[in-house]
């Protein structure tokens, strides 16, 4: 979360992804860093035990949110 916020401050578009077990920590981090409305993506935990195929499926489900955050909602709706 910290890196994503810092990259955004440098002008680099970022889509931060966390797993749901870290959601409370992420919320605290965004408040602590002064950006309580910082948007991030929450994936189901765990990720490390997924097969390659499961990881690909998970990435595909997250992609619309990544695209929306990086390029805006208008681009995501064009598909």
PDB file of N, CA and C in Angstrom:
ATOM      1  N   UNK A   1       0.831  -1.175   0.000  1.00  0.00           N
ATOM      2  CA  UNK A   1       0.000   0.000   0.000  1.00  0.00           C
ATOM      3  C   UNK A   1       0.885   1.251   0.000  1.00  0.00           C
ATOM      4  N   UNK A   2       1.888   1.237   0.850  1.00  0.00           N
ATOM      5  CA  UNK A   2       2.800   2.377   0.937  1.00  0.00           C
ATOM      6  C   UNK A   2       3.408   2.683  -0.424  1.00  0.00           C
ATOM      7  N   UNK A   3       3.914   1.656  -1.100  1.00  0.00           N
ATOM      8  CA  UNK A   3       4.556   1.878  -2.397  1.00  0.00           C
ATOM      9  C   UNK A   3       3.575   2.431  -3.421  1.00  0.00           C
ATOM     10  N   UNK A   4       2.363   1.902  -3.440  1.00  0.00           N
ATOM     11  CA  UNK A   4       1.357   2.394  -4.381  1.00  0.00           C
ATOM     12  C   UNK A   4       1.034   3.854  -4.147  1.00  0.00           C
ATOM     13  N   UNK A   5       0.890   4.231  -2.904  1.00  0.00           N
ATOM     14  CA  UNK A   5       0.599   5.629  -2.570  1.00  0.00           C
ATOM     15  C   UNK A   5       1.760   6.525  -2.982  1.00  0.00           C
ATOM     16  N   UNK A   6       2.965   6.109  -2.676  1.00  0.00           N
ATOM     17  CA  UNK A   6       4.141   6.908  -3.042  1.00  0.00           C
ATOM     18  C   UNK A   6       4.288   7.022  -4.553  1.00  0.00           C
ATOM     19  N   UNK A   7       4.031   5.938  -5.288  1.00  0.00           N
ATOM     20  CA  UNK A   7       4.124   5.994  -6.749  1.00  0.00           C
ATOM     21  C   UNK A   7       3.079   6.958  -7.317  1.00  0.00           C
ATOM     22  N   UNK A   8       1.868   6.919  -6.772  1.00  0.00           N
ATOM     23  CA  UNK A   8       0.831   7.855  -7.210  1.00  0.00           C
ATOM     24  C   UNK A   8       1.259   9.291  -6.938  1.00  0.00           C
ATOM     25  N   UNK A   9       1.883   9.535  -5.807  1.00  0.00           N
ATOM     26  CA  UNK A   9       2.360  10.890  -5.483  1.00  0.00           C
ATOM     27  C   UNK A   9       3.414  11.358  -6.464  1.00  0.00           C
ATOM     28  N   UNK A  10       4.150  10.414  -7.049  1.00  0.00           N
ATOM     29  CA  UNK A  10       5.166  10.735  -8.058  1.00  0.00           C
ATOM     30  C   UNK A  10       4.567  10.845  -9.460  1.00  0.00           C
ATOM     31  N   UNK A  11       3.263  10.635  -9.559  1.00  0.00           N
ATOM     32  CA  UNK A  11       2.596  10.742 -10.846  1.00  0.00           C
ATOM     33  C   UNK A  11       2.538   9.460 -11.639  1.00  0.00           C
ATOM     34  N   UNK A  12       2.870   8.332 -11.016  1.00  0.00           N
ATOM     35  CA  UNK A  12       2.835   7.049 -11.694  1.00  0.00           C
ATOM     36  C   UNK A  12       1.531   6.323 -11.358  1.00  0.00           C
ATOM     37  N   UNK A  13       0.663   6.137 -12.340  1.00  0.00           N
ATOM     38  CA  UNK A  13      -0.599   5.442 -12.068  1.00  0.00           C
ATOM     39  C   UNK A  13      -0.338   4.054 -11.481  1.00  0.00           C
ATOM     40  N   UNK A  14      -1.088   3.727 -10.458  1.00  0.00           N
ATOM     41  CA  UNK A  14      -0.864   2.494  -9.724  1.00  0.00           C
ATOM     42  C   UNK A  14      -2.186   1.839  -9.365  1.00  0.00           C
ATOM     43  N   UNK A  15      -2.226   0.526  -9.494  1.00  0.00           N
ATOM     44  CA  UNK A  15      -3.369  -0.253  -9.026  1.00  0.00           C
ATOM     45  C   UNK A  15      -2.844  -1.193  -7.946  1.00  0.00           C
ATOM     46  N   UNK A  16      -3.006  -0.808  -6.709  1.00  0.00           N
ATOM     47  CA  UNK A  16      -2.537  -1.624  -5.589  1.00  0.00           C
ATOM     48  C   UNK A  16      -3.519  -2.759  -5.334  1.00  0.00           C
ATOM     49  N   UNK A  17      -2.987  -3.958  -5.148  1.00  0.00           N
ATOM     50  CA  UNK A  17      -3.814  -5.138  -4.899  1.00  0.00           C
ATOM     51  C   UNK A  17      -3.380  -5.767  -3.584  1.00  0.00           C
ATOM     52  N   UNK A  18      -4.358  -6.020  -2.719  1.00  0.00           N
ATOM     53  CA  UNK A  18      -4.097  -6.689  -1.450  1.00  0.00           C
ATOM     54  C   UNK A  18      -5.047  -7.876  -1.348  1.00  0.00           C
ATOM     55  N   UNK A  19      -4.794  -8.752  -0.382  1.00  0.00           N
ATOM     56  CA  UNK A  19      -5.775  -9.797  -0.110  1.00  0.00           C
ATOM     57  C   UNK A  19      -6.633  -9.351   1.067  1.00  0.00           C
ATOM     58  N   UNK A  20      -7.802  -9.937   1.159  1.00  0.00           N
ATOM     59  CA  UNK A  20      -8.799  -9.448   2.117  1.00  0.00           C
ATOM     60  C   UNK A  20      -8.323  -9.488   3.570  1.00  0.00           C
ATOM     61  N   UNK A  21      -7.389 -10.359   3.907  1.00  0.00           N
ATOM     62  CA  UNK A  21      -6.928 -10.400   5.299  1.00  0.00           C
ATOM     63  C   UNK A  21      -6.144  -9.144   5.684  1.00  0.00           C
ATOM     64  N   UNK A  22      -5.710  -8.367   4.701  1.00  0.00           N
ATOM     65  CA  UNK A  22      -4.949  -7.149   4.967  1.00  0.00           C
ATOM     66  C   UNK A  22      -5.788  -5.883   4.793  1.00  0.00           C
ATOM     67  N   UNK A  23      -7.093  -6.024   4.637  1.00  0.00           N
ATOM     68  CA  UNK A  23      -7.933  -4.866   4.379  1.00  0.00           C
ATOM     69  C   UNK A  23      -7.908  -3.847   5.521  1.00  0.00           C
ATOM     70  N   UNK A  24      -7.983  -4.299   6.753  1.00  0.00           N
ATOM     71  CA  UNK A  24      -7.935  -3.352   7.878  1.00  0.00           C
ATOM     72  C   UNK A  24      -6.596  -2.618   7.922  1.00  0.00           C
ATOM     73  N   UNK A  25      -5.525  -3.325   7.654  1.00  0.00           N
ATOM     74  CA  UNK A  25      -4.202  -2.700   7.628  1.00  0.00           C
ATOM     75  C   UNK A  25      -4.122  -1.680   6.495  1.00  0.00           C
ATOM     76  N   UNK A  26      -4.665  -2.023   5.343  1.00  0.00           N
ATOM     77  CA  UNK A  26      -4.645  -1.109   4.202  1.00  0.00           C
ATOM     78  C   UNK A  26      -5.431   0.159   4.508  1.00  0.00           C
ATOM     79  N   UNK A  27      -6.588   0.013   5.116  1.00  0.00           N
ATOM     80  CA  UNK A  27      -7.383   1.184   5.483  1.00  0.00           C
ATOM     81  C   UNK A  27      -6.612   2.076   6.453  1.00  0.00           C
ATOM     82  N   UNK A  28      -5.968   1.473   7.430  1.00  0.00           N
ATOM     83  CA  UNK A  28      -5.178   2.244   8.397  1.00  0.00           C
ATOM     84  C   UNK A  28      -4.018   2.950   7.699  1.00  0.00           C
ATOM     85  N   UNK A  29      -3.369   2.258   6.762  1.00  0.00           N
ATOM     86  CA  UNK A  29      -2.224   2.840   6.050  1.00  0.00           C
ATOM     87  C   UNK A  29      -2.660   4.037   5.213  1.00  0.00           C
ATOM     88  N   UNK A  30      -3.787   3.920   4.524  1.00  0.00           N
ATOM     89  CA  UNK A  30      -4.229   5.053   3.702  1.00  0.00           C
ATOM     90  C   UNK A  30      -4.566   6.263   4.568  1.00  0.00           C
ATOM     91  N   UNK A  31      -5.186   6.024   5.722  1.00  0.00           N
ATOM     92  CA  UNK A  31      -5.473   7.146   6.639  1.00  0.00           C
ATOM     93  C   UNK A  31      -4.178   7.744   7.175  1.00  0.00           C
ATOM     94  N   UNK A  32      -3.250   6.887   7.586  1.00  0.00           N
ATOM     95  CA  UNK A  32      -1.993   7.346   8.158  1.00  0.00           C
ATOM     96  C   UNK A  32      -1.188   8.174   7.150  1.00  0.00           C
ATOM     97  N   UNK A  33      -1.286   7.796   5.871  1.00  0.00           N
ATOM     98  CA  UNK A  33      -0.528   8.496   4.836  1.00  0.00           C
ATOM     99  C   UNK A  33      -1.290   9.688   4.257  1.00  0.00           C
ATOM    100  N   UNK A  34      -2.454   9.984   4.829  1.00  0.00           N
ATOM    101  CA  UNK A  34      -3.185  11.171   4.430  1.00  0.00           C
ATOM    102  C   UNK A  34      -4.017  11.036   3.165  1.00  0.00           C
ATOM    103  N   UNK A  35      -4.288   9.804   2.749  1.00  0.00           N
ATOM    104  CA  UNK A  35      -5.114   9.594   1.554  1.00  0.00           C
ATOM    105  C   UNK A  35      -6.194   8.540   1.857  1.00  0.00           C
ATOM    106  N   UNK A  36      -7.112   8.883   2.754  1.00  0.00           N
ATOM    107  CA  UNK A  36      -8.108   7.894   3.173  1.00  0.00           C
ATOM    108  C   UNK A  36      -8.995   7.381   2.047  1.00  0.00           C
ATOM    109  N   UNK A  37      -9.074   8.115   0.940  1.00  0.00           N
ATOM    110  CA  UNK A  37      -9.889   7.677  -0.194  1.00  0.00           C
ATOM    111  C   UNK A  37      -9.078   6.976  -1.277  1.00  0.00           C
ATOM    112  N   UNK A  38      -7.825   6.640  -0.988  1.00  0.00           N
ATOM    113  CA  UNK A  38      -6.978   5.931  -1.955  1.00  0.00           C
ATOM    114  C   UNK A  38      -7.654   4.621  -2.330  1.00  0.00           C
ATOM    115  N   UNK A  39      -7.882   4.433  -3.614  1.00  0.00           N
ATOM    116  CA  UNK A  39      -8.589   3.238  -4.078  1.00  0.00           C
ATOM    117  C   UNK A  39      -7.607   2.093  -4.317  1.00  0.00           C
ATOM    118  N   UNK A  40      -7.958   0.926  -3.844  1.00  0.00           N
ATOM    119  CA  UNK A  40      -7.151  -0.277  -4.052  1.00  0.00           C
ATOM    120  C   UNK A  40      -8.080  -1.454  -4.294  1.00  0.00           C
ATOM    121  N   UNK A  41      -7.508  -2.554  -4.722  1.00  0.00           N
ATOM    122  CA  UNK A  41      -8.270  -3.740  -5.091  1.00  0.00           C
ATOM    123  C   UNK A  41      -8.061  -4.809  -4.026  1.00  0.00           C
ATOM    124  N   UNK A  42      -9.145  -5.458  -3.650  1.00  0.00           N
ATOM    125  CA  UNK A  42      -9.081  -6.503  -2.629  1.00  0.00           C
ATOM    126  C   UNK A  42      -9.362  -7.854  -3.285  1.00  0.00           C
ATOM    127  N   UNK A  43      -8.387  -8.755  -3.187  1.00  0.00           N
ATOM    128  CA  UNK A  43      -8.521 -10.115  -3.711  1.00  0.00           C
ATOM    129  C   UNK A  43      -8.738 -11.079  -2.554  1.00  0.00           C
ATOM    130  N   UNK A  44      -9.280 -12.226  -2.866  1.00  0.00           N
ATOM    131  CA  UNK A  44      -9.445 -13.255  -1.844  1.00  0.00           C
ATOM    132  C   UNK A  44      -8.082 -13.831  -1.465  1.00  0.00           C
ATOM    133  N   UNK A  45      -7.941 -14.164  -0.220  1.00  0.00           N
ATOM    134  CA  UNK A  45      -6.733 -14.778   0.324  1.00  0.00           C
ATOM    135  C   UNK A  45      -6.957 -16.276   0.354  1.00  0.00           C
ATOM    136  N   UNK A  46      -5.985 -17.100   0.132  1.00  0.00           N
ATOM    137  CA  UNK A  46      -4.579 -16.809  -0.153  1.00  0.00           C
ATOM    138  C   UNK A  46      -4.310 -16.748  -1.655  1.00  0.00           C
ATOM    139  N   UNK A  47      -3.135 -16.274  -1.997  1.00  0.00           N
ATOM    140  CA  UNK A  47      -2.674 -16.286  -3.378  1.00  0.00           C
ATOM    141  C   UNK A  47      -1.523 -17.265  -3.577  1.00  0.00           C
ATOM    142  N   UNK A  48      -0.667 -17.381  -2.588  1.00  0.00           N
ATOM    143  CA  UNK A  48       0.568 -18.159  -2.748  1.00  0.00           C
ATOM    144  C   UNK A  48       0.338 -19.643  -2.984  1.00  0.00           C
ATOM    145  N   UNK A  49      -0.811 -20.174  -2.577  1.00  0.00           N
ATOM    146  CA  UNK A  49      -1.051 -21.606  -2.758  1.00  0.00           C
ATOM    147  C   UNK A  49      -1.826 -21.930  -4.033  1.00  0.00           C
ATOM    148  N   UNK A  50      -2.120 -20.929  -4.844  1.00  0.00           N
ATOM    149  CA  UNK A  50      -2.863 -21.159  -6.083  1.00  0.00           C
ATOM    150  C   UNK A  50      -1.981 -21.820  -7.138  1.00  0.00           C
ATOM    151  N   UNK A  51      -2.607 -22.641  -7.977  1.00  0.00           N
ATOM    152  CA  UNK A  51      -1.902 -23.174  -9.138  1.00  0.00           C
ATOM    153  C   UNK A  51      -1.758 -22.047 -10.158  1.00  0.00           C
ATOM    154  N   UNK A  52      -0.963 -22.272 -11.187  1.00  0.00           N
ATOM    155  CA  UNK A  52      -0.817 -21.263 -12.237  1.00  0.00           C
ATOM    156  C   UNK A  52      -2.169 -20.943 -12.872  1.00  0.00           C
ATOM    157  N   UNK A  53      -2.971 -21.957 -13.102  1.00  0.00           N
ATOM    158  CA  UNK A  53      -4.280 -21.761 -13.714  1.00  0.00           C
ATOM    159  C   UNK A  53      -5.199 -20.966 -12.789  1.00  0.00           C
ATOM    160  N   UNK A  54      -5.191 -21.290 -11.512  1.00  0.00           N
ATOM    161  CA  UNK A  54      -6.016 -20.558 -10.549  1.00  0.00           C
ATOM    162  C   UNK A  54      -5.564 -19.107 -10.432  1.00  0.00           C
ATOM    163  N   UNK A  55      -4.266 -18.911 -10.482  1.00  0.00           N
ATOM    164  CA  UNK A  55      -3.724 -17.546 -10.419  1.00  0.00           C
ATOM    165  C   UNK A  55      -4.169 -16.749 -11.647  1.00  0.00           C
ATOM    166  N   UNK A  56      -4.147 -17.379 -12.808  1.00  0.00           N
ATOM    167  CA  UNK A  56      -4.609 -16.727 -14.035  1.00  0.00           C
ATOM    168  C   UNK A  56      -6.083 -16.365 -13.920  1.00  0.00           C
ATOM    169  N   UNK A  57      -6.896 -17.281 -13.401  1.00  0.00           N
ATOM    170  CA  UNK A  57      -8.325 -17.013 -13.226  1.00  0.00           C
ATOM    171  C   UNK A  57      -8.542 -15.844 -12.271  1.00  0.00           C
ATOM    172  N   UNK A  58      -7.782 -15.832 -11.189  1.00  0.00           N
ATOM    173  CA  UNK A  58      -7.913 -14.746 -10.211  1.00  0.00           C
ATOM    174  C   UNK A  58      -7.539 -13.420 -10.851  1.00  0.00           C
ATOM    175  N   UNK A  59      -6.451 -13.413 -11.610  1.00  0.00           N
ATOM    176  CA  UNK A  59      -6.021 -12.181 -12.285  1.00  0.00           C
ATOM    177  C   UNK A  59      -7.086 -11.683 -13.248  1.00  0.00           C
ATOM    178  N   UNK A  60      -7.723 -12.590 -13.950  1.00  0.00           N
ATOM    179  CA  UNK A  60      -8.762 -12.200 -14.900  1.00  0.00           C
ATOM    180  C   UNK A  60      -9.961 -11.566 -14.188  1.00  0.00           C
ATOM    181  N   UNK A  61     -10.277 -12.046 -12.987  1.00  0.00           N
ATOM    182  CA  UNK A  61     -11.397 -11.446 -12.260  1.00  0.00           C
ATOM    183  C   UNK A  61     -11.045 -10.058 -11.729  1.00  0.00           C
ATOM    184  N   UNK A  62      -9.757  -9.820 -11.473  1.00  0.00           N
ATOM    185  CA  UNK A  62      -9.314  -8.534 -10.942  1.00  0.00           C
ATOM    186  C   UNK A  62      -9.073  -7.495 -12.035  1.00  0.00           C
ATOM    187  N   UNK A  63      -8.870  -7.961 -13.261  1.00  0.00           N
ATOM    188  CA  UNK A  63      -8.475  -7.067 -14.347  1.00  0.00           C
ATOM    189  C   UNK A  63      -9.417  -5.883 -14.557  1.00  0.00           C
ATOM    190  N   UNK A  64     -10.753  -6.052 -14.556  1.00  0.00           N
ATOM    191  CA  UNK A  64     -11.612  -4.878 -14.764  1.00  0.00           C
ATOM    192  C   UNK A  64     -11.369  -3.770 -13.738  1.00  0.00           C
ATOM    193  N   UNK A  65     -11.113  -4.137 -12.495  1.00  0.00           N
ATOM    194  CA  UNK A  65     -10.833  -3.112 -11.480  1.00  0.00           C
ATOM    195  C   UNK A  65      -9.470  -2.476 -11.697  1.00  0.00           C
ATOM    196  N   UNK A  66      -8.485  -3.266 -12.104  1.00  0.00           N
ATOM    197  CA  UNK A  66      -7.165  -2.710 -12.407  1.00  0.00           C
ATOM    198  C   UNK A  66      -7.292  -1.710 -13.550  1.00  0.00           C
ATOM    199  N   UNK A  67      -7.991  -2.096 -14.597  1.00  0.00           N
ATOM    200  CA  UNK A  67      -8.167  -1.205 -15.744  1.00  0.00           C
ATOM    201  C   UNK A  67      -8.906   0.068 -15.348  1.00  0.00           C
ATOM    202  N   UNK A  68      -9.954  -0.079 -14.564  1.00  0.00           N
ATOM    203  CA  UNK A  68     -10.741   1.088 -14.137  1.00  0.00           C
ATOM    204  C   UNK A  68      -9.877   2.062 -13.345  1.00  0.00           C
ATOM    205  N   UNK A  69      -9.058   1.544 -12.443  1.00  0.00           N
ATOM    206  CA  UNK A  69      -8.209   2.417 -11.634  1.00  0.00           C
ATOM    207  C   UNK A  69      -7.121   3.073 -12.487  1.00  0.00           C
ATOM    208  N   UNK A  70      -6.528   2.321 -13.402  1.00  0.00           N
ATOM    209  CA  UNK A  70      -5.417   2.848 -14.182  1.00  0.00           C
ATOM    210  C   UNK A  70      -5.830   3.777 -15.312  1.00  0.00           C
ATOM    211  N   UNK A  71      -6.923   3.457 -15.991  1.00  0.00           N
ATOM    212  CA  UNK A  71      -7.283   4.264 -17.156  1.00  0.00           C
ATOM    213  C   UNK A  71      -8.622   4.943 -17.021  1.00  0.00           C
ATOM    214  N   UNK A  72      -9.325   4.721 -15.952  1.00  0.00           N
ATOM    215  CA  UNK A  72     -10.596   5.395 -15.718  1.00  0.00           C
ATOM    216  C   UNK A  72     -11.784   4.549 -16.100  1.00  0.00           C
ATOM    217  N   UNK A  73     -12.903   4.897 -15.535  1.00  0.00           N
ATOM    218  CA  UNK A  73     -14.115   4.107 -15.727  1.00  0.00           C
ATOM    219  C   UNK A  73     -14.632   4.172 -17.153  1.00  0.00           C
ATOM    220  N   UNK A  74     -14.404   5.254 -17.862  1.00  0.00           N
ATOM    221  CA  UNK A  74     -14.909   5.367 -19.229  1.00  0.00           C
ATOM    222  C   UNK A  74     -14.260   4.315 -20.135  1.00  0.00           C
ATOM    223  N   UNK A  75     -12.948   4.136 -20.009  1.00  0.00           N
ATOM    224  CA  UNK A  75     -12.254   3.138 -20.830  1.00  0.00           C
ATOM    225  C   UNK A  75     -12.711   1.733 -20.503  1.00  0.00           C
ATOM    226  N   UNK A  76     -12.923   1.450 -19.225  1.00  0.00           N
ATOM    227  CA  UNK A  76     -13.350   0.117 -18.810  1.00  0.00           C
ATOM    228  C   UNK A  76     -14.747  -0.192 -19.335  1.00  0.00           C
ATOM    229  N   UNK A  77     -15.599   0.823 -19.489  1.00  0.00           N
ATOM    230  CA  UNK A  77     -16.965   0.611 -19.977  1.00  0.00           C
ATOM    231  C   UNK A  77     -17.032   0.417 -21.485  1.00  0.00           C
ATOM    232  N   UNK A  78     -15.992   0.822 -22.213  1.00  0.00           N
ATOM    233  CA  UNK A  78     -16.005   0.701 -23.672  1.00  0.00           C
ATOM    234  C   UNK A  78     -16.015  -0.735 -24.138  1.00  0.00           C
ATOM    235  N   UNK A  79     -15.519  -1.660 -23.333  1.00  0.00           N
ATOM    236  CA  UNK A  79     -15.448  -3.073 -23.725  1.00  0.00           C
ATOM    237  C   UNK A  79     -16.761  -3.675 -23.750  1.00  0.00           C
TER     238      UNK A  79
END
